[in-house]
Amino acid sequence: MPKYMDEPWKIAFLTVDEFAVIAVPVLLGIFILNAPVIAMCVGSVLVSLIKKLKGEEGHYFVRHLMYWHLPQVFYLRATPPSCQREFLG
């Protein structure tokens, strides 16, 4: 359970986006490439990169970055698409 309202969801000690970044390469490495050690190394490097990318910007920085630069793929439910610039004709 989060200690504060704005704290992100966590799986073990990683936030959900960090867990996804480590889970995808590990699962691909184990089931497809049959190289779990290399996959764990790649996953840990990717997690360290995403932690560095988030840095002091906050937990939801990557989500907002994706919303702004990938409007057709990623959207937020309560906001209009980022590519829509004018709301009234």
PDB file of N, CA and C in Angstrom:
ATOM      1  N   MET A   1       0.842  -1.168   0.000  1.00  0.00           N
ATOM      2  CA  MET A   1       0.000   0.000   0.000  1.00  0.00           C
ATOM      3  C   MET A   1       0.896   1.243   0.000  1.00  0.00           C
ATOM      4  N   PRO A   2       0.607   2.196  -0.861  1.00  0.00           N
ATOM      5  CA  PRO A   2       1.423   3.412  -0.894  1.00  0.00           C
ATOM      6  C   PRO A   2       1.332   4.188   0.422  1.00  0.00           C
ATOM      7  N   LYS A   3       2.442   4.760   0.817  1.00  0.00           N
ATOM      8  CA  LYS A   3       2.468   5.538   2.046  1.00  0.00           C
ATOM      9  C   LYS A   3       1.838   6.913   1.829  1.00  0.00           C
ATOM     10  N   TYR A   4       2.004   7.456   0.639  1.00  0.00           N
ATOM     11  CA  TYR A   4       1.448   8.759   0.296  1.00  0.00           C
ATOM     12  C   TYR A   4       0.572   8.620  -0.941  1.00  0.00           C
ATOM     13  N   MET A   5      -0.291   9.590  -1.171  1.00  0.00           N
ATOM     14  CA  MET A   5      -1.229   9.522  -2.297  1.00  0.00           C
ATOM     15  C   MET A   5      -0.539   9.578  -3.655  1.00  0.00           C
ATOM     16  N   ASP A   6       0.523  10.356  -3.797  1.00  0.00           N
ATOM     17  CA  ASP A   6       1.162  10.513  -5.096  1.00  0.00           C
ATOM     18  C   ASP A   6       2.305   9.525  -5.315  1.00  0.00           C
ATOM     19  N   GLU A   7       2.463   8.559  -4.458  1.00  0.00           N
ATOM     20  CA  GLU A   7       3.512   7.565  -4.616  1.00  0.00           C
ATOM     21  C   GLU A   7       3.065   6.529  -5.653  1.00  0.00           C
ATOM     22  N   PRO A   8       3.931   6.137  -6.575  1.00  0.00           N
ATOM     23  CA  PRO A   8       3.519   5.205  -7.629  1.00  0.00           C
ATOM     24  C   PRO A   8       3.376   3.778  -7.095  1.00  0.00           C
ATOM     25  N   TRP A   9       2.667   2.946  -7.856  1.00  0.00           N
ATOM     26  CA  TRP A   9       2.520   1.540  -7.508  1.00  0.00           C
ATOM     27  C   TRP A   9       3.872   0.858  -7.628  1.00  0.00           C
ATOM     28  N   LYS A  10       4.134  -0.101  -6.746  1.00  0.00           N
ATOM     29  CA  LYS A  10       5.405  -0.807  -6.772  1.00  0.00           C
ATOM     30  C   LYS A  10       5.184  -2.305  -6.801  1.00  0.00           C
ATOM     31  N   ILE A  11       6.057  -2.987  -7.514  1.00  0.00           N
ATOM     32  CA  ILE A  11       6.132  -4.440  -7.509  1.00  0.00           C
ATOM     33  C   ILE A  11       7.494  -4.757  -6.930  1.00  0.00           C
ATOM     34  N   ALA A  12       7.513  -5.420  -5.788  1.00  0.00           N
ATOM     35  CA  ALA A  12       8.732  -5.660  -5.008  1.00  0.00           C
ATOM     36  C   ALA A  12       9.305  -4.295  -4.622  1.00  0.00           C
ATOM     37  N   PHE A  13      10.448  -3.914  -5.128  1.00  0.00           N
ATOM     38  CA  PHE A  13      11.031  -2.604  -4.809  1.00  0.00           C
ATOM     39  C   PHE A  13      11.126  -1.709  -6.032  1.00  0.00           C
ATOM     40  N   LEU A  14      10.560  -2.134  -7.151  1.00  0.00           N
ATOM     41  CA  LEU A  14      10.591  -1.361  -8.391  1.00  0.00           C
ATOM     42  C   LEU A  14       9.216  -0.778  -8.680  1.00  0.00           C
ATOM     43  N   THR A  15       9.197   0.396  -9.315  1.00  0.00           N
ATOM     44  CA  THR A  15       7.921   0.929  -9.781  1.00  0.00           C
ATOM     45  C   THR A  15       7.465   0.104 -10.975  1.00  0.00           C
ATOM     46  N   VAL A  16       6.236   0.280 -11.392  1.00  0.00           N
ATOM     47  CA  VAL A  16       5.667  -0.554 -12.445  1.00  0.00           C
ATOM     48  C   VAL A  16       6.425  -0.385 -13.764  1.00  0.00           C
ATOM     49  N   ASP A  17       6.796   0.846 -14.117  1.00  0.00           N
ATOM     50  CA  ASP A  17       7.515   1.042 -15.376  1.00  0.00           C
ATOM     51  C   ASP A  17       8.919   0.434 -15.321  1.00  0.00           C
ATOM     52  N   GLU A  18       9.579   0.502 -14.182  1.00  0.00           N
ATOM     53  CA  GLU A  18      10.900  -0.113 -14.046  1.00  0.00           C
ATOM     54  C   GLU A  18      10.783  -1.634 -14.097  1.00  0.00           C
ATOM     55  N   PHE A  19       9.735  -2.174 -13.490  1.00  0.00           N
ATOM     56  CA  PHE A  19       9.531  -3.618 -13.525  1.00  0.00           C
ATOM     57  C   PHE A  19       9.274  -4.100 -14.949  1.00  0.00           C
ATOM     58  N   ALA A  20       8.491  -3.333 -15.719  1.00  0.00           N
ATOM     59  CA  ALA A  20       8.227  -3.710 -17.109  1.00  0.00           C
ATOM     60  C   ALA A  20       9.501  -3.665 -17.935  1.00  0.00           C
ATOM     61  N   VAL A  21      10.348  -2.672 -17.658  1.00  0.00           N
ATOM     62  CA  VAL A  21      11.599  -2.541 -18.410  1.00  0.00           C
ATOM     63  C   VAL A  21      12.539  -3.705 -18.115  1.00  0.00           C
ATOM     64  N   ILE A  22      12.485  -4.252 -16.923  1.00  0.00           N
ATOM     65  CA  ILE A  22      13.346  -5.382 -16.610  1.00  0.00           C
ATOM     66  C   ILE A  22      12.683  -6.717 -16.980  1.00  0.00           C
ATOM     67  N   ALA A  23      11.350  -6.798 -16.928  1.00  0.00           N
ATOM     68  CA  ALA A  23      10.662  -8.059 -17.186  1.00  0.00           C
ATOM     69  C   ALA A  23      10.673  -8.449 -18.660  1.00  0.00           C
ATOM     70  N   VAL A  24      10.506  -7.491 -19.544  1.00  0.00           N
ATOM     71  CA  VAL A  24      10.438  -7.807 -20.975  1.00  0.00           C
ATOM     72  C   VAL A  24      11.751  -8.416 -21.486  1.00  0.00           C
ATOM     73  N   PRO A  25      12.923  -7.814 -21.235  1.00  0.00           N
ATOM     74  CA  PRO A  25      14.153  -8.448 -21.711  1.00  0.00           C
ATOM     75  C   PRO A  25      14.435  -9.794 -21.048  1.00  0.00           C
ATOM     76  N   VAL A  26      14.092  -9.924 -19.776  1.00  0.00           N
ATOM     77  CA  VAL A  26      14.348 -11.200 -19.092  1.00  0.00           C
ATOM     78  C   VAL A  26      13.458 -12.295 -19.674  1.00  0.00           C
ATOM     79  N   LEU A  27      12.194 -12.005 -19.880  1.00  0.00           N
ATOM     80  CA  LEU A  27      11.304 -13.010 -20.461  1.00  0.00           C
ATOM     81  C   LEU A  27      11.708 -13.363 -21.890  1.00  0.00           C
ATOM     82  N   LEU A  28      12.057 -12.352 -22.684  1.00  0.00           N
ATOM     83  CA  LEU A  28      12.527 -12.632 -24.044  1.00  0.00           C
ATOM     84  C   LEU A  28      13.819 -13.434 -24.027  1.00  0.00           C
ATOM     85  N   GLY A  29      14.715 -13.089 -23.128  1.00  0.00           N
ATOM     86  CA  GLY A  29      15.991 -13.790 -23.037  1.00  0.00           C
ATOM     87  C   GLY A  29      15.844 -15.222 -22.589  1.00  0.00           C
ATOM     88  N   ILE A  30      14.913 -15.482 -21.688  1.00  0.00           N
ATOM     89  CA  ILE A  30      14.732 -16.837 -21.191  1.00  0.00           C
ATOM     90  C   ILE A  30      14.006 -17.703 -22.204  1.00  0.00           C
ATOM     91  N   PHE A  31      12.909 -17.217 -22.748  1.00  0.00           N
ATOM     92  CA  PHE A  31      12.072 -18.064 -23.595  1.00  0.00           C
ATOM     93  C   PHE A  31      12.467 -18.090 -25.063  1.00  0.00           C
ATOM     94  N   ILE A  32      13.007 -17.025 -25.591  1.00  0.00           N
ATOM     95  CA  ILE A  32      13.317 -16.982 -27.020  1.00  0.00           C
ATOM     96  C   ILE A  32      14.799 -17.211 -27.294  1.00  0.00           C
ATOM     97  N   LEU A  33      15.656 -16.475 -26.602  1.00  0.00           N
ATOM     98  CA  LEU A  33      17.089 -16.542 -26.894  1.00  0.00           C
ATOM     99  C   LEU A  33      17.830 -17.583 -26.070  1.00  0.00           C
ATOM    100  N   ASN A  34      17.204 -18.079 -25.006  1.00  0.00           N
ATOM    101  CA  ASN A  34      17.819 -19.056 -24.120  1.00  0.00           C
ATOM    102  C   ASN A  34      19.134 -18.532 -23.532  1.00  0.00           C
ATOM    103  N   ALA A  35      19.133 -17.263 -23.150  1.00  0.00           N
ATOM    104  CA  ALA A  35      20.307 -16.624 -22.545  1.00  0.00           C
ATOM    105  C   ALA A  35      19.858 -15.771 -21.364  1.00  0.00           C
ATOM    106  N   PRO A  36      19.520 -16.395 -20.227  1.00  0.00           N
ATOM    107  CA  PRO A  36      18.962 -15.624 -19.110  1.00  0.00           C
ATOM    108  C   PRO A  36      19.961 -14.675 -18.449  1.00  0.00           C
ATOM    109  N   VAL A  37      21.231 -15.015 -18.416  1.00  0.00           N
ATOM    110  CA  VAL A  37      22.217 -14.147 -17.758  1.00  0.00           C
ATOM    111  C   VAL A  37      22.405 -12.853 -18.545  1.00  0.00           C
ATOM    112  N   ILE A  38      22.507 -12.982 -19.854  1.00  0.00           N
ATOM    113  CA  ILE A  38      22.643 -11.789 -20.702  1.00  0.00           C
ATOM    114  C   ILE A  38      21.378 -10.940 -20.606  1.00  0.00           C
ATOM    115  N   ALA A  39      20.219 -11.592 -20.566  1.00  0.00           N
ATOM    116  CA  ALA A  39      18.958 -10.862 -20.472  1.00  0.00           C
ATOM    117  C   ALA A  39      18.857 -10.110 -19.147  1.00  0.00           C
ATOM    118  N   MET A  40      19.319 -10.707 -18.057  1.00  0.00           N
ATOM    119  CA  MET A  40      19.291 -10.017 -16.764  1.00  0.00           C
ATOM    120  C   MET A  40      20.245  -8.827 -16.756  1.00  0.00           C
ATOM    121  N   CYS A  41      21.380  -8.972 -17.410  1.00  0.00           N
ATOM    122  CA  CYS A  41      22.320  -7.849 -17.501  1.00  0.00           C
ATOM    123  C   CYS A  41      21.721  -6.711 -18.318  1.00  0.00           C
ATOM    124  N   VAL A  42      21.101  -7.047 -19.448  1.00  0.00           N
ATOM    125  CA  VAL A  42      20.463  -6.020 -20.284  1.00  0.00           C
ATOM    126  C   VAL A  42      19.321  -5.356 -19.524  1.00  0.00           C
ATOM    127  N   GLY A  43      18.515  -6.139 -18.811  1.00  0.00           N
ATOM    128  CA  GLY A  43      17.409  -5.587 -18.030  1.00  0.00           C
ATOM    129  C   GLY A  43      17.885  -4.664 -16.926  1.00  0.00           C
ATOM    130  N   SER A  44      18.957  -5.055 -16.239  1.00  0.00           N
ATOM    131  CA  SER A  44      19.454  -4.189 -15.162  1.00  0.00           C
ATOM    132  C   SER A  44      20.050  -2.894 -15.705  1.00  0.00           C
ATOM    133  N   VAL A  45      20.692  -2.955 -16.871  1.00  0.00           N
ATOM    134  CA  VAL A  45      21.210  -1.737 -17.494  1.00  0.00           C
ATOM    135  C   VAL A  45      20.055  -0.824 -17.905  1.00  0.00           C
ATOM    136  N   LEU A  46      18.998  -1.409 -18.461  1.00  0.00           N
ATOM    137  CA  LEU A  46      17.846  -0.604 -18.861  1.00  0.00           C
ATOM    138  C   LEU A  46      17.158   0.030 -17.654  1.00  0.00           C
ATOM    139  N   VAL A  47      17.083  -0.694 -16.537  1.00  0.00           N
ATOM    140  CA  VAL A  47      16.482  -0.116 -15.330  1.00  0.00           C
ATOM    141  C   VAL A  47      17.327   1.034 -14.811  1.00  0.00           C
ATOM    142  N   SER A  48      18.639   0.877 -14.831  1.00  0.00           N
ATOM    143  CA  SER A  48      19.485   1.986 -14.367  1.00  0.00           C
ATOM    144  C   SER A  48      19.347   3.194 -15.293  1.00  0.00           C
ATOM    145  N   LEU A  49      19.190   2.958 -16.600  1.00  0.00           N
ATOM    146  CA  LEU A  49      18.987   4.070 -17.538  1.00  0.00           C
ATOM    147  C   LEU A  49      17.650   4.769 -17.304  1.00  0.00           C
ATOM    148  N   ILE A  50      16.601   4.012 -17.052  1.00  0.00           N
ATOM    149  CA  ILE A  50      15.299   4.646 -16.835  1.00  0.00           C
ATOM    150  C   ILE A  50      15.276   5.387 -15.504  1.00  0.00           C
ATOM    151  N   LYS A  51      15.984   4.870 -14.495  1.00  0.00           N
ATOM    152  CA  LYS A  51      16.074   5.609 -13.230  1.00  0.00           C
ATOM    153  C   LYS A  51      16.840   6.912 -13.423  1.00  0.00           C
ATOM    154  N   LYS A  52      17.882   6.867 -14.244  1.00  0.00           N
ATOM    155  CA  LYS A  52      18.641   8.084 -14.527  1.00  0.00           C
ATOM    156  C   LYS A  52      17.790   9.064 -15.341  1.00  0.00           C
ATOM    157  N   LEU A  53      16.976   8.555 -16.271  1.00  0.00           N
ATOM    158  CA  LEU A  53      16.103   9.406 -17.077  1.00  0.00           C
ATOM    159  C   LEU A  53      15.061  10.092 -16.198  1.00  0.00           C
ATOM    160  N   LYS A  54      14.480   9.352 -15.269  1.00  0.00           N
ATOM    161  CA  LYS A  54      13.490   9.951 -14.367  1.00  0.00           C
ATOM    162  C   LYS A  54      14.158  10.950 -13.431  1.00  0.00           C
ATOM    163  N   GLY A  55      15.295  10.581 -12.886  1.00  0.00           N
ATOM    164  CA  GLY A  55      16.089  11.475 -12.056  1.00  0.00           C
ATOM    165  C   GLY A  55      15.296  12.261 -11.042  1.00  0.00           C
ATOM    166  N   GLU A  56      15.425  13.559 -11.087  1.00  0.00           N
ATOM    167  CA  GLU A  56      14.731  14.432 -10.147  1.00  0.00           C
ATOM    168  C   GLU A  56      13.395  14.927 -10.684  1.00  0.00           C
ATOM    169  N   GLU A  57      13.025  14.475 -11.862  1.00  0.00           N
ATOM    170  CA  GLU A  57      11.785  14.957 -12.484  1.00  0.00           C
ATOM    171  C   GLU A  57      10.537  14.378 -11.824  1.00  0.00           C
ATOM    172  N   GLY A  58      10.650  13.260 -11.180  1.00  0.00           N
ATOM    173  CA  GLY A  58       9.500  12.649 -10.531  1.00  0.00           C
ATOM    174  C   GLY A  58       9.180  11.294 -11.121  1.00  0.00           C
ATOM    175  N   HIS A  59       8.256  10.596 -10.483  1.00  0.00           N
ATOM    176  CA  HIS A  59       7.946   9.229 -10.873  1.00  0.00           C
ATOM    177  C   HIS A  59       7.201   9.136 -12.199  1.00  0.00           C
ATOM    178  N   TYR A  60       6.385  10.126 -12.510  1.00  0.00           N
ATOM    179  CA  TYR A  60       5.553  10.056 -13.711  1.00  0.00           C
ATOM    180  C   TYR A  60       6.149  10.802 -14.895  1.00  0.00           C
ATOM    181  N   PHE A  61       7.423  11.111 -14.846  1.00  0.00           N
ATOM    182  CA  PHE A  61       8.073  11.853 -15.921  1.00  0.00           C
ATOM    183  C   PHE A  61       8.057  11.064 -17.228  1.00  0.00           C
ATOM    184  N   VAL A  62       8.330   9.777 -17.176  1.00  0.00           N
ATOM    185  CA  VAL A  62       8.360   8.960 -18.391  1.00  0.00           C
ATOM    186  C   VAL A  62       6.971   8.861 -18.997  1.00  0.00           C
ATOM    187  N   ARG A  63       5.941   8.729 -18.156  1.00  0.00           N
ATOM    188  CA  ARG A  63       4.573   8.666 -18.653  1.00  0.00           C
ATOM    189  C   ARG A  63       4.195   9.962 -19.374  1.00  0.00           C
ATOM    190  N   HIS A  64       4.539  11.098 -18.793  1.00  0.00           N
ATOM    191  CA  HIS A  64       4.217  12.381 -19.416  1.00  0.00           C
ATOM    192  C   HIS A  64       5.044  12.608 -20.675  1.00  0.00           C
ATOM    193  N   LEU A  65       6.273  12.132 -20.686  1.00  0.00           N
ATOM    194  CA  LEU A  65       7.109  12.225 -21.876  1.00  0.00           C
ATOM    195  C   LEU A  65       6.511  11.407 -23.023  1.00  0.00           C
ATOM    196  N   MET A  66       6.032  10.211 -22.713  1.00  0.00           N
ATOM    197  CA  MET A  66       5.388   9.384 -23.739  1.00  0.00           C
ATOM    198  C   MET A  66       4.088  10.017 -24.224  1.00  0.00           C
ATOM    199  N   TYR A  67       3.320  10.618 -23.312  1.00  0.00           N
ATOM    200  CA  TYR A  67       2.083  11.284 -23.705  1.00  0.00           C
ATOM    201  C   TYR A  67       2.358  12.418 -24.682  1.00  0.00           C
ATOM    202  N   TRP A  68       3.409  13.159 -24.449  1.00  0.00           N
ATOM    203  CA  TRP A  68       3.688  14.316 -25.282  1.00  0.00           C
ATOM    204  C   TRP A  68       4.262  13.927 -26.641  1.00  0.00           C
ATOM    205  N   HIS A  69       5.147  12.939 -26.686  1.00  0.00           N
ATOM    206  CA  HIS A  69       5.839  12.604 -27.928  1.00  0.00           C
ATOM    207  C   HIS A  69       5.230  11.430 -28.696  1.00  0.00           C
ATOM    208  N   LEU A  70       4.372  10.636 -28.085  1.00  0.00           N
ATOM    209  CA  LEU A  70       3.724   9.515 -28.760  1.00  0.00           C
ATOM    210  C   LEU A  70       2.212   9.604 -28.594  1.00  0.00           C
ATOM    211  N   PRO A  71       1.567  10.621 -29.182  1.00  0.00           N
ATOM    212  CA  PRO A  71       0.140  10.837 -28.911  1.00  0.00           C
ATOM    213  C   PRO A  71      -0.765   9.747 -29.475  1.00  0.00           C
ATOM    214  N   GLN A  72      -0.375   9.092 -30.563  1.00  0.00           N
ATOM    215  CA  GLN A  72      -1.233   8.074 -31.157  1.00  0.00           C
ATOM    216  C   GLN A  72      -1.109   6.733 -30.442  1.00  0.00           C
ATOM    217  N   VAL A  73       0.000   6.521 -29.746  1.00  0.00           N
ATOM    218  CA  VAL A  73       0.241   5.251 -29.068  1.00  0.00           C
ATOM    219  C   VAL A  73      -0.155   5.313 -27.600  1.00  0.00           C
ATOM    220  N   PHE A  74       0.185   6.392 -26.942  1.00  0.00           N
ATOM    221  CA  PHE A  74      -0.016   6.515 -25.505  1.00  0.00           C
ATOM    222  C   PHE A  74      -0.867   7.737 -25.215  1.00  0.00           C
ATOM    223  N   TYR A  75      -1.892   7.575 -24.421  1.00  0.00           N
ATOM    224  CA  TYR A  75      -2.752   8.703 -24.066  1.00  0.00           C
ATOM    225  C   TYR A  75      -3.155   8.595 -22.599  1.00  0.00           C
ATOM    226  N   LEU A  76      -3.529   9.717 -22.039  1.00  0.00           N
ATOM    227  CA  LEU A  76      -4.034   9.759 -20.676  1.00  0.00           C
ATOM    228  C   LEU A  76      -5.547   9.872 -20.736  1.00  0.00           C
ATOM    229  N   ARG A  77      -6.245   9.206 -19.842  1.00  0.00           N
ATOM    230  CA  ARG A  77      -7.706   9.147 -19.914  1.00  0.00           C
ATOM    231  C   ARG A  77      -8.381  10.491 -19.703  1.00  0.00           C
ATOM    232  N   ALA A  78      -7.867  11.311 -18.831  1.00  0.00           N
ATOM    233  CA  ALA A  78      -8.565  12.541 -18.457  1.00  0.00           C
ATOM    234  C   ALA A  78      -8.153  13.752 -19.283  1.00  0.00           C
ATOM    235  N   THR A  79      -7.269  13.585 -20.243  1.00  0.00           N
ATOM    236  CA  THR A  79      -6.799  14.716 -21.037  1.00  0.00           C
ATOM    237  C   THR A  79      -6.997  14.437 -22.524  1.00  0.00           C
ATOM    238  N   PRO A  80      -7.114  15.478 -23.321  1.00  0.00           N
ATOM    239  CA  PRO A  80      -7.223  15.277 -24.767  1.00  0.00           C
ATOM    240  C   PRO A  80      -5.864  14.879 -25.342  1.00  0.00           C
ATOM    241  N   PRO A  81      -5.828  14.383 -26.571  1.00  0.00           N
ATOM    242  CA  PRO A  81      -4.548  14.004 -27.180  1.00  0.00           C
ATOM    243  C   PRO A  81      -3.608  15.199 -27.265  1.00  0.00           C
ATOM    244  N   SER A  82      -2.321  14.944 -27.128  1.00  0.00           N
ATOM    245  CA  SER A  82      -1.355  16.038 -27.127  1.00  0.00           C
ATOM    246  C   SER A  82      -1.194  16.661 -28.513  1.00  0.00           C
ATOM    247  N   CYS A  83      -1.604  15.943 -29.564  1.00  0.00           N
ATOM    248  CA  CYS A  83      -1.477  16.508 -30.916  1.00  0.00           C
ATOM    249  C   CYS A  83      -2.608  17.492 -31.214  1.00  0.00           C
ATOM    250  N   GLN A  84      -3.661  17.521 -30.414  1.00  0.00           N
ATOM    251  CA  GLN A  84      -4.769  18.457 -30.617  1.00  0.00           C
ATOM    252  C   GLN A  84      -4.403  19.799 -29.990  1.00  0.00           C
ATOM    253  N   ARG A  85      -4.183  20.808 -30.836  1.00  0.00           N
ATOM    254  CA  ARG A  85      -3.712  22.092 -30.357  1.00  0.00           C
ATOM    255  C   ARG A  85      -4.823  23.116 -30.165  1.00  0.00           C
ATOM    256  N   GLU A  86      -5.868  23.049 -30.979  1.00  0.00           N
ATOM    257  CA  GLU A  86      -6.966  24.001 -30.863  1.00  0.00           C
ATOM    258  C   GLU A  86      -8.235  23.246 -30.490  1.00  0.00           C
ATOM    259  N   PHE A  87      -8.989  23.791 -29.551  1.00  0.00           N
ATOM    260  CA  PHE A  87     -10.182  23.117 -29.094  1.00  0.00           C
ATOM    261  C   PHE A  87     -11.466  23.736 -29.642  1.00  0.00           C
ATOM    262  N   LEU A  88     -11.432  25.021 -29.944  1.00  0.00           N
ATOM    263  CA  LEU A  88     -12.598  25.683 -30.508  1.00  0.00           C
ATOM    264  C   LEU A  88     -12.228  26.222 -31.887  1.00  0.00           C
ATOM    265  N   GLY A  89     -13.104  26.003 -32.868  1.00  0.00           N
ATOM    266  CA  GLY A  89     -12.838  26.371 -34.239  1.00  0.00           C
ATOM    267  C   GLY A  89     -12.777  27.811 -34.421  1.00  0.00           C
TER     268      GLY A  89
END
